[in-house]
Amino acid sequence: MSDEAHFHLSGEETFFQQDGAMCHRTRASMAVVNNLFPNHVISRYGDIIWPARSPDLST
């Protein structure tokens, strides 16, 4: 992720919602995401567990 995008996306109100693709759930990928969005990751293996394609978040 570029430094400019990280600047605009960082903050207490910003969450990262994982799409559930297997290649995006590798340990290396999740380590990067968790580093950029500590305690703000919505994913099967993130801080906030939420099912993929949930109508509550995916609309």
Protein backbone atom coordinates (compact mmCIF):
# COMPACT_ATOMS: atom_id res chain seq x y z
CA MET A 1 0.00 0.00 0.00
CA SER A 2 1.39 3.38 -0.92
CA ASP A 3 2.37 5.90 1.75
CA GLU A 4 -0.25 8.33 0.42
CA ALA A 5 -3.05 5.75 0.66
CA HIS A 6 -1.91 4.76 4.13
CA PHE A 7 -2.02 8.42 5.21
CA HIS A 8 -5.62 8.78 4.03
CA LEU A 9 -6.74 5.44 5.44
CA SER A 10 -5.12 5.55 8.86
CA GLY A 11 -7.09 6.52 11.90
CA GLU A 12 -9.30 5.16 14.61
CA GLU A 13 -12.39 5.20 12.39
CA THR A 14 -10.87 3.22 9.51
CA PHE A 15 -11.41 -0.52 9.24
CA PHE A 16 -10.11 -3.00 6.68
CA GLN A 17 -12.70 -5.54 5.50
CA GLN A 18 -11.10 -8.70 4.11
CA ASP A 19 -12.86 -10.29 1.13
CA GLY A 20 -12.06 -13.84 2.22
CA ALA A 21 -9.98 -14.89 -0.79
CA MET A 22 -7.50 -17.59 0.24
CA CYS A 23 -4.50 -15.74 -1.22
CA HIS A 24 -5.40 -12.72 0.92
CA ARG A 25 -5.49 -14.79 4.12
CA THR A 26 -1.90 -16.00 4.09
CA ARG A 27 0.14 -15.26 7.20
CA ALA A 28 2.30 -12.80 5.28
CA SER A 29 -0.70 -10.92 3.86
CA MET A 30 -2.50 -10.80 7.20
CA ALA A 31 0.67 -9.58 8.93
CA VAL A 32 0.84 -6.59 6.58
CA VAL A 33 -2.86 -5.79 6.98
CA ASN A 34 -2.72 -6.13 10.78
CA ASN A 35 0.32 -3.85 10.85
CA LEU A 36 -1.45 -1.16 8.80
CA PHE A 37 -4.81 -1.48 10.60
CA PRO A 38 -4.08 -2.70 14.15
CA ASN A 39 -7.25 -3.94 15.90
CA HIS A 40 -9.32 -2.79 12.91
CA VAL A 41 -9.35 -5.82 10.61
CA ILE A 42 -12.68 -7.45 9.72
CA SER A 43 -11.80 -10.93 8.50
CA ARG A 44 -12.04 -14.62 9.23
CA TYR A 45 -8.60 -14.39 10.86
CA GLY A 46 -8.73 -10.73 11.87
CA ASP A 47 -9.64 -8.80 14.98
CA ILE A 48 -13.35 -8.72 14.16
CA ILE A 49 -14.67 -12.02 12.83
CA TRP A 50 -17.42 -11.56 10.26
CA PRO A 51 -18.67 -13.99 7.60
CA ALA A 52 -17.76 -13.24 4.00
CA ARG A 53 -20.48 -11.59 1.90
CA SER A 54 -22.43 -10.64 5.01
CA PRO A 55 -25.32 -8.32 4.11
CA ASP A 56 -24.58 -6.25 7.21
CA LEU A 57 -21.22 -5.03 5.86
CA SER A 58 -21.24 -5.83 2.15
CA THR A 59 -24.09 -3.65 0.97
